[in-house]
Amino acid sequence: MERRKATGEMSAAEIAEVLTQVRAGDADAWGELYRMYGPAIFRFCRRALPTREDAEDATTEVFMKVRQKLGTYDSSRPFTAWLYKVASNHCWDTLRRRRIRQDLETGDLETLPLEHPDPSQLERLQAEHGSKEVRNGLQKLPDRARMALVLRYFAEMSYDEIADTLGVRRAFVGVLLLRARHQLRDVLAGNDAPLIRGAAGGKV
């Protein structure tokens, strides 16, 4: 099979063919699958987790889970959506196990406007500050806020999928995204002292 450079170059029929070969134990097909999706999953994990080493470990573990769970994949749904679901569950489980911070996400919800999160707002932040600066800013956010942004704007998950992954009510997802965007904007503007003090004290 010809090696491809980007996931967008593989059609649904080609993905189905590769997955059939992987299920049959074809090592070359598995290598092709990893080459196609490994870089994207690593970038996802890098945004979601605190360090590069965490992201590298998570990428390997995600693909181990993919191999184990491939029999549960519903071929009527996009493979990439299922793959990101496996990755997001793994990253969120990792953060919860480590208890890096305690997220108190409900403290000031009633003071926030209930506007609908607009994806273009995050794109504008990236245009203004650069992708690297935004990625560094994401690392300063509370775990749940960071995961919500990554799931919505980088994995393009629905509100229902985000609610399921993070274990929150669907009605809370929009507010969580709004609050996370405000926090990221403050971090990028250099107004992240409250976040830093909160992390030092075990609260955010």
N, C-alpha and C. Protein backbone atom coordinates (compact mmCIF):
# COMPACT_ATOMS: atom_id res chain seq x y z
N MET A 1 0.85 -1.19 0.00
CA MET A 1 0.00 0.00 0.00
C MET A 1 0.88 1.25 0.00
N GLU A 2 0.54 2.20 -0.84
CA GLU A 2 1.32 3.42 -0.94
C GLU A 2 1.23 4.21 0.35
N ARG A 3 2.38 4.68 0.82
CA ARG A 3 2.39 5.47 2.06
C ARG A 3 1.84 6.86 1.79
N ARG A 4 0.94 7.32 2.66
CA ARG A 4 0.32 8.63 2.50
C ARG A 4 0.85 9.57 3.56
N LYS A 5 0.73 10.86 3.30
CA LYS A 5 1.32 11.86 4.19
C LYS A 5 0.32 12.50 5.14
N ALA A 6 -0.94 12.40 4.84
CA ALA A 6 -1.93 13.07 5.69
C ALA A 6 -3.19 12.25 5.76
N THR A 7 -3.88 12.33 6.90
CA THR A 7 -5.08 11.53 7.07
C THR A 7 -6.13 11.87 6.04
N GLY A 8 -6.17 13.10 5.57
CA GLY A 8 -7.16 13.50 4.60
C GLY A 8 -7.02 12.79 3.27
N GLU A 9 -5.88 12.17 3.02
CA GLU A 9 -5.65 11.50 1.75
C GLU A 9 -6.21 10.08 1.73
N MET A 10 -6.69 9.59 2.86
CA MET A 10 -7.22 8.24 2.90
C MET A 10 -8.74 8.28 2.87
N SER A 11 -9.33 7.65 1.86
CA SER A 11 -10.78 7.65 1.74
C SER A 11 -11.40 6.66 2.72
N ALA A 12 -12.72 6.76 2.87
CA ALA A 12 -13.43 5.84 3.77
C ALA A 12 -13.22 4.39 3.33
N ALA A 13 -13.23 4.16 2.02
CA ALA A 13 -13.03 2.79 1.51
C ALA A 13 -11.63 2.29 1.83
N GLU A 14 -10.65 3.17 1.71
CA GLU A 14 -9.26 2.78 2.01
C GLU A 14 -9.08 2.50 3.49
N ILE A 15 -9.71 3.34 4.33
CA ILE A 15 -9.65 3.09 5.77
C ILE A 15 -10.25 1.74 6.10
N ALA A 16 -11.41 1.45 5.50
CA ALA A 16 -12.07 0.16 5.74
C ALA A 16 -11.17 -1.00 5.34
N GLU A 17 -10.46 -0.83 4.21
CA GLU A 17 -9.57 -1.89 3.74
C GLU A 17 -8.41 -2.10 4.71
N VAL A 18 -7.83 -1.00 5.18
CA VAL A 18 -6.72 -1.10 6.12
C VAL A 18 -7.18 -1.75 7.43
N LEU A 19 -8.34 -1.36 7.92
CA LEU A 19 -8.84 -1.92 9.17
C LEU A 19 -9.13 -3.41 9.04
N THR A 20 -9.63 -3.81 7.89
CA THR A 20 -9.86 -5.25 7.65
C THR A 20 -8.54 -6.01 7.71
N GLN A 21 -7.49 -5.42 7.11
CA GLN A 21 -6.18 -6.06 7.12
C GLN A 21 -5.58 -6.09 8.52
N VAL A 22 -5.81 -5.02 9.28
CA VAL A 22 -5.31 -4.97 10.66
C VAL A 22 -5.98 -6.06 11.49
N ARG A 23 -7.29 -6.20 11.35
CA ARG A 23 -8.02 -7.24 12.09
C ARG A 23 -7.51 -8.62 11.73
N ALA A 24 -7.03 -8.78 10.50
CA ALA A 24 -6.52 -10.08 10.05
C ALA A 24 -5.08 -10.32 10.50
N GLY A 25 -4.51 -9.34 11.23
CA GLY A 25 -3.16 -9.50 11.75
C GLY A 25 -2.05 -9.02 10.85
N ASP A 26 -2.36 -8.19 9.86
CA ASP A 26 -1.37 -7.68 8.92
C ASP A 26 -0.54 -6.58 9.58
N ALA A 27 0.72 -6.86 9.85
CA ALA A 27 1.59 -5.91 10.53
C ALA A 27 1.84 -4.67 9.69
N ASP A 28 1.96 -4.83 8.37
CA ASP A 28 2.18 -3.68 7.50
C ASP A 28 0.98 -2.74 7.53
N ALA A 29 -0.22 -3.30 7.56
CA ALA A 29 -1.42 -2.46 7.61
C ALA A 29 -1.48 -1.70 8.93
N TRP A 30 -1.09 -2.36 10.02
CA TRP A 30 -1.05 -1.68 11.31
C TRP A 30 -0.04 -0.53 11.28
N GLY A 31 1.11 -0.76 10.67
CA GLY A 31 2.10 0.29 10.54
C GLY A 31 1.59 1.46 9.71
N GLU A 32 0.84 1.14 8.66
CA GLU A 32 0.24 2.19 7.83
C GLU A 32 -0.76 3.02 8.63
N LEU A 33 -1.57 2.34 9.44
CA LEU A 33 -2.56 3.03 10.26
C LEU A 33 -1.87 3.96 11.26
N TYR A 34 -0.81 3.47 11.86
CA TYR A 34 -0.08 4.28 12.84
C TYR A 34 0.57 5.48 12.17
N ARG A 35 1.17 5.28 10.99
CA ARG A 35 1.80 6.39 10.28
C ARG A 35 0.78 7.46 9.89
N MET A 36 -0.41 6.99 9.53
CA MET A 36 -1.45 7.92 9.09
C MET A 36 -2.00 8.77 10.24
N TYR A 37 -2.23 8.14 11.38
CA TYR A 37 -2.95 8.82 12.46
C TYR A 37 -2.08 9.14 13.68
N GLY A 38 -0.93 8.52 13.80
CA GLY A 38 -0.07 8.75 14.95
C GLY A 38 0.27 10.21 15.19
N PRO A 39 0.72 10.96 14.16
CA PRO A 39 1.07 12.37 14.38
C PRO A 39 -0.10 13.21 14.88
N ALA A 40 -1.29 12.98 14.32
CA ALA A 40 -2.46 13.75 14.75
C ALA A 40 -2.85 13.44 16.19
N ILE A 41 -2.78 12.15 16.56
CA ILE A 41 -3.11 11.76 17.92
C ILE A 41 -2.07 12.31 18.90
N PHE A 42 -0.79 12.32 18.48
CA PHE A 42 0.23 12.91 19.35
C PHE A 42 -0.05 14.39 19.58
N ARG A 43 -0.40 15.13 18.51
CA ARG A 43 -0.69 16.56 18.67
C ARG A 43 -1.88 16.76 19.60
N PHE A 44 -2.89 15.89 19.47
CA PHE A 44 -4.04 15.98 20.36
C PHE A 44 -3.61 15.77 21.81
N CYS A 45 -2.84 14.71 22.06
CA CYS A 45 -2.39 14.40 23.42
C CYS A 45 -1.48 15.50 23.96
N ARG A 46 -0.68 16.11 23.09
CA ARG A 46 0.23 17.16 23.52
C ARG A 46 -0.53 18.37 24.02
N ARG A 47 -1.67 18.66 23.38
CA ARG A 47 -2.49 19.78 23.83
C ARG A 47 -3.22 19.45 25.13
N ALA A 48 -3.58 18.18 25.28
CA ALA A 48 -4.41 17.78 26.42
C ALA A 48 -3.61 17.51 27.69
N LEU A 49 -2.36 17.09 27.56
CA LEU A 49 -1.56 16.65 28.71
C LEU A 49 -0.43 17.63 29.01
N PRO A 50 0.09 17.60 30.24
CA PRO A 50 1.05 18.62 30.68
C PRO A 50 2.40 18.62 29.98
N THR A 51 2.95 17.46 29.63
CA THR A 51 4.31 17.43 29.09
C THR A 51 4.38 16.62 27.80
N ARG A 52 5.47 16.85 27.07
CA ARG A 52 5.70 16.10 25.83
C ARG A 52 5.85 14.60 26.12
N GLU A 53 6.52 14.28 27.24
CA GLU A 53 6.70 12.88 27.61
C GLU A 53 5.35 12.21 27.87
N ASP A 54 4.46 12.94 28.54
CA ASP A 54 3.10 12.43 28.77
C ASP A 54 2.41 12.14 27.44
N ALA A 55 2.56 13.06 26.49
CA ALA A 55 1.90 12.91 25.20
C ALA A 55 2.47 11.73 24.42
N GLU A 56 3.78 11.54 24.51
CA GLU A 56 4.41 10.41 23.81
C GLU A 56 3.91 9.09 24.39
N ASP A 57 3.88 9.00 25.72
CA ASP A 57 3.39 7.78 26.36
C ASP A 57 1.92 7.54 26.02
N ALA A 58 1.14 8.62 26.07
CA ALA A 58 -0.29 8.50 25.80
C ALA A 58 -0.56 8.04 24.38
N THR A 59 0.21 8.55 23.42
CA THR A 59 0.02 8.15 22.02
C THR A 59 0.23 6.65 21.86
N THR A 60 1.30 6.14 22.46
CA THR A 60 1.55 4.69 22.40
C THR A 60 0.41 3.92 23.05
N GLU A 61 -0.04 4.38 24.23
CA GLU A 61 -1.10 3.68 24.95
C GLU A 61 -2.43 3.75 24.22
N VAL A 62 -2.70 4.89 23.57
CA VAL A 62 -3.94 5.03 22.81
C VAL A 62 -3.98 4.00 21.68
N PHE A 63 -2.88 3.85 20.97
CA PHE A 63 -2.88 2.90 19.86
C PHE A 63 -2.92 1.45 20.35
N MET A 64 -2.39 1.20 21.54
CA MET A 64 -2.56 -0.13 22.12
C MET A 64 -4.04 -0.40 22.38
N LYS A 65 -4.74 0.62 22.89
CA LYS A 65 -6.17 0.47 23.14
C LYS A 65 -6.94 0.33 21.84
N VAL A 66 -6.53 1.07 20.82
CA VAL A 66 -7.19 0.97 19.52
C VAL A 66 -7.11 -0.46 19.00
N ARG A 67 -5.94 -1.05 19.13
CA ARG A 67 -5.77 -2.42 18.65
C ARG A 67 -6.65 -3.40 19.43
N GLN A 68 -6.74 -3.17 20.75
CA GLN A 68 -7.56 -4.04 21.59
C GLN A 68 -9.05 -3.86 21.34
N LYS A 69 -9.46 -2.60 21.06
CA LYS A 69 -10.88 -2.28 20.96
C LYS A 69 -11.40 -2.25 19.52
N LEU A 70 -10.55 -2.57 18.56
CA LEU A 70 -10.94 -2.42 17.17
C LEU A 70 -12.20 -3.21 16.84
N GLY A 71 -12.41 -4.30 17.54
CA GLY A 71 -13.61 -5.10 17.29
C GLY A 71 -14.89 -4.39 17.69
N THR A 72 -14.78 -3.35 18.51
CA THR A 72 -15.97 -2.61 18.94
C THR A 72 -16.27 -1.42 18.04
N TYR A 73 -15.39 -1.14 17.08
CA TYR A 73 -15.59 0.01 16.20
C TYR A 73 -16.76 -0.24 15.26
N ASP A 74 -17.68 0.71 15.22
CA ASP A 74 -18.84 0.65 14.35
C ASP A 74 -18.47 1.29 13.01
N SER A 75 -18.33 0.49 11.97
CA SER A 75 -17.84 0.97 10.69
C SER A 75 -18.81 1.93 9.99
N SER A 76 -20.03 2.07 10.54
CA SER A 76 -20.97 3.03 9.96
C SER A 76 -20.66 4.46 10.39
N ARG A 77 -19.76 4.61 11.36
CA ARG A 77 -19.36 5.93 11.85
C ARG A 77 -17.94 6.24 11.39
N PRO A 78 -17.57 7.51 11.29
CA PRO A 78 -16.22 7.87 10.85
C PRO A 78 -15.16 7.29 11.79
N PHE A 79 -14.13 6.71 11.23
CA PHE A 79 -13.07 6.12 12.05
C PHE A 79 -12.36 7.17 12.88
N THR A 80 -12.13 8.36 12.30
CA THR A 80 -11.40 9.39 13.05
C THR A 80 -12.17 9.82 14.29
N ALA A 81 -13.51 9.88 14.20
CA ALA A 81 -14.31 10.26 15.37
C ALA A 81 -14.13 9.23 16.48
N TRP A 82 -14.15 7.96 16.11
CA TRP A 82 -13.96 6.89 17.10
C TRP A 82 -12.55 6.94 17.68
N LEU A 83 -11.56 7.19 16.83
CA LEU A 83 -10.17 7.25 17.28
C LEU A 83 -9.96 8.38 18.28
N TYR A 84 -10.52 9.55 17.98
CA TYR A 84 -10.38 10.67 18.91
C TYR A 84 -11.15 10.41 20.20
N LYS A 85 -12.22 9.67 20.12
CA LYS A 85 -12.96 9.31 21.33
C LYS A 85 -12.09 8.44 22.24
N VAL A 86 -11.41 7.46 21.66
CA VAL A 86 -10.50 6.61 22.44
C VAL A 86 -9.40 7.48 23.06
N ALA A 87 -8.83 8.39 22.27
CA ALA A 87 -7.74 9.24 22.74
C ALA A 87 -8.21 10.19 23.84
N SER A 88 -9.38 10.79 23.66
CA SER A 88 -9.86 11.74 24.66
C SER A 88 -10.19 11.05 25.97
N ASN A 89 -10.79 9.87 25.91
CA ASN A 89 -11.07 9.12 27.13
C ASN A 89 -9.78 8.76 27.86
N HIS A 90 -8.77 8.37 27.10
CA HIS A 90 -7.51 7.98 27.72
C HIS A 90 -6.85 9.20 28.40
N CYS A 91 -6.81 10.33 27.70
CA CYS A 91 -6.18 11.52 28.28
C CYS A 91 -6.92 12.00 29.53
N TRP A 92 -8.23 12.01 29.46
CA TRP A 92 -9.01 12.47 30.61
C TRP A 92 -8.85 11.50 31.78
N ASP A 93 -8.83 10.20 31.53
CA ASP A 93 -8.59 9.23 32.59
C ASP A 93 -7.22 9.44 33.22
N THR A 94 -6.22 9.75 32.38
CA THR A 94 -4.87 10.00 32.89
C THR A 94 -4.85 11.19 33.83
N LEU A 95 -5.52 12.27 33.44
CA LEU A 95 -5.55 13.46 34.28
C LEU A 95 -6.30 13.21 35.58
N ARG A 96 -7.39 12.47 35.50
CA ARG A 96 -8.16 12.19 36.71
C ARG A 96 -7.37 11.30 37.66
N ARG A 97 -6.67 10.32 37.13
CA ARG A 97 -5.90 9.41 37.99
C ARG A 97 -4.81 10.18 38.72
N ARG A 98 -4.18 11.07 38.02
CA ARG A 98 -3.07 11.81 38.63
C ARG A 98 -3.54 12.89 39.60
N ARG A 99 -4.77 13.33 39.42
CA ARG A 99 -5.30 14.40 40.26
C ARG A 99 -4.31 15.57 40.32
N ILE A 100 -3.89 16.02 39.13
CA ILE A 100 -2.91 17.10 39.05
C ILE A 100 -3.43 18.36 39.75
N ARG A 101 -4.69 18.65 39.51
CA ARG A 101 -5.31 19.79 40.20
C ARG A 101 -6.74 19.40 40.56
N GLN A 102 -7.33 20.16 41.44
CA GLN A 102 -8.75 20.02 41.75
C GLN A 102 -9.49 21.11 40.99
N ASP A 103 -10.39 20.70 40.10
CA ASP A 103 -11.14 21.68 39.32
C ASP A 103 -12.44 22.03 40.04
N LEU A 104 -12.59 23.30 40.42
CA LEU A 104 -13.84 23.79 40.98
C LEU A 104 -14.49 24.64 39.89
N GLU A 105 -15.19 23.95 38.96
CA GLU A 105 -15.66 24.61 37.76
C GLU A 105 -17.01 25.33 37.95
N THR A 106 -17.65 25.17 39.11
CA THR A 106 -19.00 25.70 39.24
C THR A 106 -19.09 26.93 40.12
N GLY A 107 -17.97 27.46 40.59
CA GLY A 107 -17.99 28.52 41.57
C GLY A 107 -18.65 29.80 41.12
N ASP A 108 -18.40 30.24 39.87
CA ASP A 108 -18.93 31.54 39.46
C ASP A 108 -19.73 31.44 38.18
N LEU A 109 -20.37 30.30 37.97
CA LEU A 109 -21.09 30.09 36.71
C LEU A 109 -22.20 31.09 36.50
N GLU A 110 -22.89 31.47 37.56
CA GLU A 110 -24.05 32.32 37.39
C GLU A 110 -23.67 33.73 36.98
N THR A 111 -22.39 34.09 37.09
CA THR A 111 -21.95 35.43 36.69
C THR A 111 -21.54 35.48 35.24
N LEU A 112 -21.55 34.34 34.54
CA LEU A 112 -21.08 34.29 33.16
C LEU A 112 -22.23 34.42 32.18
N PRO A 113 -22.03 35.13 31.08
CA PRO A 113 -23.06 35.19 30.03
C PRO A 113 -23.16 33.84 29.34
N LEU A 114 -24.38 33.41 29.03
CA LEU A 114 -24.58 32.10 28.40
C LEU A 114 -24.57 32.24 26.88
N GLU A 115 -23.50 32.76 26.35
CA GLU A 115 -23.39 32.88 24.90
C GLU A 115 -22.89 31.56 24.31
N HIS A 116 -23.14 31.35 23.05
CA HIS A 116 -22.70 30.13 22.40
C HIS A 116 -21.24 30.26 22.00
N PRO A 117 -20.38 29.30 22.40
CA PRO A 117 -18.96 29.38 22.04
C PRO A 117 -18.80 29.37 20.52
N ASP A 118 -18.07 30.33 20.01
CA ASP A 118 -17.86 30.47 18.58
C ASP A 118 -16.46 29.97 18.23
N PRO A 119 -16.34 28.91 17.42
CA PRO A 119 -15.01 28.39 17.09
C PRO A 119 -14.07 29.44 16.53
N SER A 120 -14.61 30.44 15.83
CA SER A 120 -13.75 31.45 15.22
C SER A 120 -13.02 32.27 16.27
N GLN A 121 -13.57 32.33 17.50
CA GLN A 121 -12.91 33.09 18.55
C GLN A 121 -11.57 32.46 18.91
N LEU A 122 -11.53 31.14 18.99
CA LEU A 122 -10.25 30.48 19.28
C LEU A 122 -9.30 30.63 18.10
N GLU A 123 -9.84 30.58 16.89
CA GLU A 123 -9.00 30.78 15.71
C GLU A 123 -8.38 32.18 15.72
N ARG A 124 -9.15 33.16 16.17
CA ARG A 124 -8.60 34.52 16.25
C ARG A 124 -7.48 34.61 17.28
N LEU A 125 -7.66 33.90 18.41
CA LEU A 125 -6.60 33.89 19.41
C LEU A 125 -5.32 33.29 18.84
N GLN A 126 -5.46 32.21 18.05
CA GLN A 126 -4.28 31.60 17.44
C GLN A 126 -3.65 32.52 16.42
N ALA A 127 -4.48 33.26 15.68
CA ALA A 127 -3.96 34.19 14.69
C ALA A 127 -3.22 35.35 15.37
N GLU A 128 -3.74 35.78 16.53
CA GLU A 128 -3.15 36.92 17.23
C GLU A 128 -1.87 36.52 17.98
N HIS A 129 -1.85 35.32 18.54
CA HIS A 129 -0.75 34.94 19.43
C HIS A 129 0.15 33.83 18.87
N GLY A 130 -0.30 33.09 17.86
CA GLY A 130 0.49 31.99 17.32
C GLY A 130 0.11 30.68 17.97
N SER A 131 0.20 29.60 17.22
CA SER A 131 -0.23 28.28 17.72
C SER A 131 0.60 27.83 18.92
N LYS A 132 1.92 28.12 18.90
CA LYS A 132 2.77 27.68 20.01
C LYS A 132 2.39 28.39 21.30
N GLU A 133 2.11 29.69 21.20
CA GLU A 133 1.74 30.45 22.40
C GLU A 133 0.39 29.98 22.95
N VAL A 134 -0.54 29.67 22.04
CA VAL A 134 -1.84 29.15 22.47
C VAL A 134 -1.66 27.80 23.15
N ARG A 135 -0.81 26.94 22.57
CA ARG A 135 -0.57 25.63 23.18
C ARG A 135 0.03 25.78 24.58
N ASN A 136 0.98 26.70 24.72
CA ASN A 136 1.56 26.94 26.04
C ASN A 136 0.52 27.49 27.00
N GLY A 137 -0.38 28.34 26.48
CA GLY A 137 -1.44 28.88 27.31
C GLY A 137 -2.39 27.80 27.79
N LEU A 138 -2.68 26.85 26.92
CA LEU A 138 -3.57 25.74 27.29
C LEU A 138 -3.01 24.98 28.49
N GLN A 139 -1.68 24.86 28.56
CA GLN A 139 -1.08 24.09 29.65
C GLN A 139 -1.27 24.75 31.01
N LYS A 140 -1.62 26.05 31.03
CA LYS A 140 -1.81 26.75 32.30
C LYS A 140 -3.25 26.69 32.79
N LEU A 141 -4.14 26.14 31.98
CA LEU A 141 -5.56 26.09 32.36
C LEU A 141 -5.82 24.90 33.28
N PRO A 142 -6.90 24.95 34.06
CA PRO A 142 -7.34 23.78 34.81
C PRO A 142 -7.58 22.62 33.84
N ASP A 143 -7.40 21.40 34.32
CA ASP A 143 -7.46 20.23 33.44
C ASP A 143 -8.76 20.15 32.64
N ARG A 144 -9.89 20.35 33.34
CA ARG A 144 -11.17 20.18 32.65
C ARG A 144 -11.39 21.27 31.60
N ALA A 145 -10.96 22.49 31.93
CA ALA A 145 -11.09 23.59 30.96
C ALA A 145 -10.24 23.31 29.73
N ARG A 146 -9.00 22.87 29.95
CA ARG A 146 -8.12 22.56 28.82
C ARG A 146 -8.70 21.44 27.96
N MET A 147 -9.17 20.37 28.62
CA MET A 147 -9.72 19.25 27.86
C MET A 147 -10.95 19.68 27.07
N ALA A 148 -11.80 20.51 27.64
CA ALA A 148 -13.00 20.95 26.94
C ALA A 148 -12.64 21.68 25.65
N LEU A 149 -11.66 22.59 25.72
CA LEU A 149 -11.24 23.31 24.53
C LEU A 149 -10.62 22.39 23.49
N VAL A 150 -9.79 21.48 23.94
CA VAL A 150 -9.13 20.55 23.01
C VAL A 150 -10.17 19.66 22.33
N LEU A 151 -11.12 19.16 23.10
CA LEU A 151 -12.15 18.28 22.52
C LEU A 151 -13.02 19.02 21.52
N ARG A 152 -13.38 20.27 21.84
CA ARG A 152 -14.29 21.01 20.98
C ARG A 152 -13.61 21.55 19.73
N TYR A 153 -12.45 22.18 19.90
CA TYR A 153 -11.87 22.94 18.80
C TYR A 153 -10.79 22.19 18.04
N PHE A 154 -10.21 21.15 18.64
CA PHE A 154 -9.17 20.40 17.94
C PHE A 154 -9.65 19.01 17.51
N ALA A 155 -10.50 18.37 18.34
CA ALA A 155 -11.07 17.08 17.96
C ALA A 155 -12.47 17.25 17.34
N GLU A 156 -13.00 18.47 17.41
CA GLU A 156 -14.30 18.81 16.81
C GLU A 156 -15.42 17.90 17.32
N MET A 157 -15.43 17.66 18.62
CA MET A 157 -16.47 16.83 19.22
C MET A 157 -17.74 17.63 19.47
N SER A 158 -18.87 16.94 19.47
CA SER A 158 -20.16 17.57 19.77
C SER A 158 -20.29 17.81 21.27
N TYR A 159 -21.28 18.61 21.65
CA TYR A 159 -21.52 18.85 23.07
C TYR A 159 -21.84 17.54 23.79
N ASP A 160 -22.61 16.67 23.14
CA ASP A 160 -22.95 15.38 23.76
C ASP A 160 -21.70 14.55 24.01
N GLU A 161 -20.79 14.53 23.04
CA GLU A 161 -19.56 13.75 23.19
C GLU A 161 -18.66 14.33 24.28
N ILE A 162 -18.59 15.66 24.34
CA ILE A 162 -17.79 16.29 25.39
C ILE A 162 -18.37 16.00 26.76
N ALA A 163 -19.69 16.10 26.88
CA ALA A 163 -20.35 15.81 28.16
C ALA A 163 -20.07 14.38 28.59
N ASP A 164 -20.14 13.45 27.64
CA ASP A 164 -19.91 12.04 27.95
C ASP A 164 -18.46 11.80 28.39
N THR A 165 -17.52 12.43 27.69
CA THR A 165 -16.10 12.24 28.01
C THR A 165 -15.74 12.82 29.37
N LEU A 166 -16.23 14.03 29.64
CA LEU A 166 -15.85 14.72 30.88
C LEU A 166 -16.75 14.40 32.06
N GLY A 167 -17.85 13.68 31.79
CA GLY A 167 -18.75 13.30 32.87
C GLY A 167 -19.52 14.47 33.44
N VAL A 168 -19.94 15.39 32.57
CA VAL A 168 -20.74 16.53 33.01
C VAL A 168 -22.06 16.55 32.25
N ARG A 169 -23.02 17.35 32.73
CA ARG A 169 -24.28 17.49 32.03
C ARG A 169 -24.08 18.25 30.72
N ARG A 170 -24.85 17.87 29.70
CA ARG A 170 -24.70 18.53 28.41
C ARG A 170 -24.95 20.03 28.53
N ALA A 171 -25.92 20.41 29.37
CA ALA A 171 -26.25 21.82 29.54
C ALA A 171 -25.08 22.62 30.10
N PHE A 172 -24.13 21.94 30.74
CA PHE A 172 -22.98 22.60 31.36
C PHE A 172 -21.85 22.82 30.38
N VAL A 173 -21.85 22.09 29.24
CA VAL A 173 -20.72 22.12 28.32
C VAL A 173 -20.49 23.52 27.74
N GLY A 174 -21.56 24.18 27.31
CA GLY A 174 -21.40 25.51 26.73
C GLY A 174 -20.80 26.49 27.72
N VAL A 175 -21.23 26.43 28.97
CA VAL A 175 -20.70 27.32 30.00
C VAL A 175 -19.24 26.98 30.29
N LEU A 176 -18.93 25.70 30.32
CA LEU A 176 -17.56 25.27 30.56
C LEU A 176 -16.63 25.77 29.46
N LEU A 177 -17.08 25.68 28.20
CA LEU A 177 -16.28 26.16 27.09
C LEU A 177 -16.10 27.67 27.16
N LEU A 178 -17.17 28.36 27.50
CA LEU A 178 -17.10 29.82 27.61
C LEU A 178 -16.10 30.23 28.68
N ARG A 179 -16.19 29.59 29.82
CA ARG A 179 -15.28 29.93 30.93
C ARG A 179 -13.84 29.60 30.55
N ALA A 180 -13.64 28.47 29.87
CA ALA A 180 -12.30 28.07 29.46
C ALA A 180 -11.71 29.07 28.47
N ARG A 181 -12.54 29.58 27.56
CA ARG A 181 -12.05 30.57 26.61
C ARG A 181 -11.66 31.87 27.31
N HIS A 182 -12.47 32.29 28.29
CA HIS A 182 -12.13 33.49 29.06
C HIS A 182 -10.79 33.28 29.78
N GLN A 183 -10.60 32.10 30.36
CA GLN A 183 -9.36 31.81 31.08
C GLN A 183 -8.16 31.82 30.12
N LEU A 184 -8.34 31.21 28.94
CA LEU A 184 -7.25 31.19 27.97
C LEU A 184 -6.91 32.59 27.50
N ARG A 185 -7.94 33.41 27.28
CA ARG A 185 -7.71 34.79 26.86
C ARG A 185 -6.93 35.55 27.93
N ASP A 186 -7.27 35.33 29.20
CA ASP A 186 -6.55 35.99 30.29
C ASP A 186 -5.09 35.53 30.34
N VAL A 187 -4.88 34.24 30.16
CA VAL A 187 -3.51 33.70 30.19
C VAL A 187 -2.68 34.33 29.07
N LEU A 188 -3.25 34.40 27.87
CA LEU A 188 -2.51 34.95 26.74
C LEU A 188 -2.25 36.44 26.90
N ALA A 189 -3.11 37.11 27.68
CA ALA A 189 -2.92 38.53 27.94
C ALA A 189 -2.00 38.78 29.13
N GLY A 190 -1.53 37.68 29.75
CA GLY A 190 -0.64 37.81 30.91
C GLY A 190 -1.36 37.98 32.22
N ASN A 191 -2.68 37.76 32.22
CA ASN A 191 -3.47 37.93 33.45
C ASN A 191 -3.79 36.57 34.07
N ASP A 192 -2.77 35.75 34.25
CA ASP A 192 -3.00 34.39 34.74
C ASP A 192 -2.62 34.21 36.20
N ALA A 193 -2.39 35.29 36.93
CA ALA A 193 -2.01 35.17 38.35
C ALA A 193 -3.03 34.39 39.16
N PRO A 194 -4.36 34.63 38.98
CA PRO A 194 -5.33 33.85 39.77
C PRO A 194 -5.23 32.35 39.51
N LEU A 195 -4.96 31.98 38.26
CA LEU A 195 -4.83 30.56 37.96
C LEU A 195 -3.60 29.98 38.66
N ILE A 196 -2.50 30.71 38.62
CA ILE A 196 -1.26 30.24 39.25
C ILE A 196 -1.43 30.12 40.76
N ARG A 197 -2.06 31.14 41.37
CA ARG A 197 -2.29 31.08 42.83
C ARG A 197 -3.20 29.93 43.17
N GLY A 198 -4.23 29.72 42.34
CA GLY A 198 -5.16 28.63 42.60
C GLY A 198 -4.50 27.28 42.51
N ALA A 199 -3.62 27.11 41.51
CA ALA A 199 -2.92 25.84 41.37
C ALA A 199 -2.01 25.59 42.56
N ALA A 200 -1.35 26.64 43.05
CA ALA A 200 -0.46 26.48 44.18
C ALA A 200 -1.20 26.11 45.43
N GLY A 201 -2.46 26.56 45.52
CA GLY A 201 -3.22 26.27 46.72
C GLY A 201 -4.12 25.06 46.60
N GLY A 202 -4.04 24.37 45.45
CA GLY A 202 -4.84 23.18 45.26
C GLY A 202 -6.20 23.48 44.70
N LYS A 203 -6.50 24.77 44.37
CA LYS A 203 -7.76 25.13 43.81
C LYS A 203 -7.54 25.97 42.56
N VAL A 204 -8.49 25.91 41.64
CA VAL A 204 -8.40 26.73 40.44
C VAL A 204 -9.77 27.27 40.13
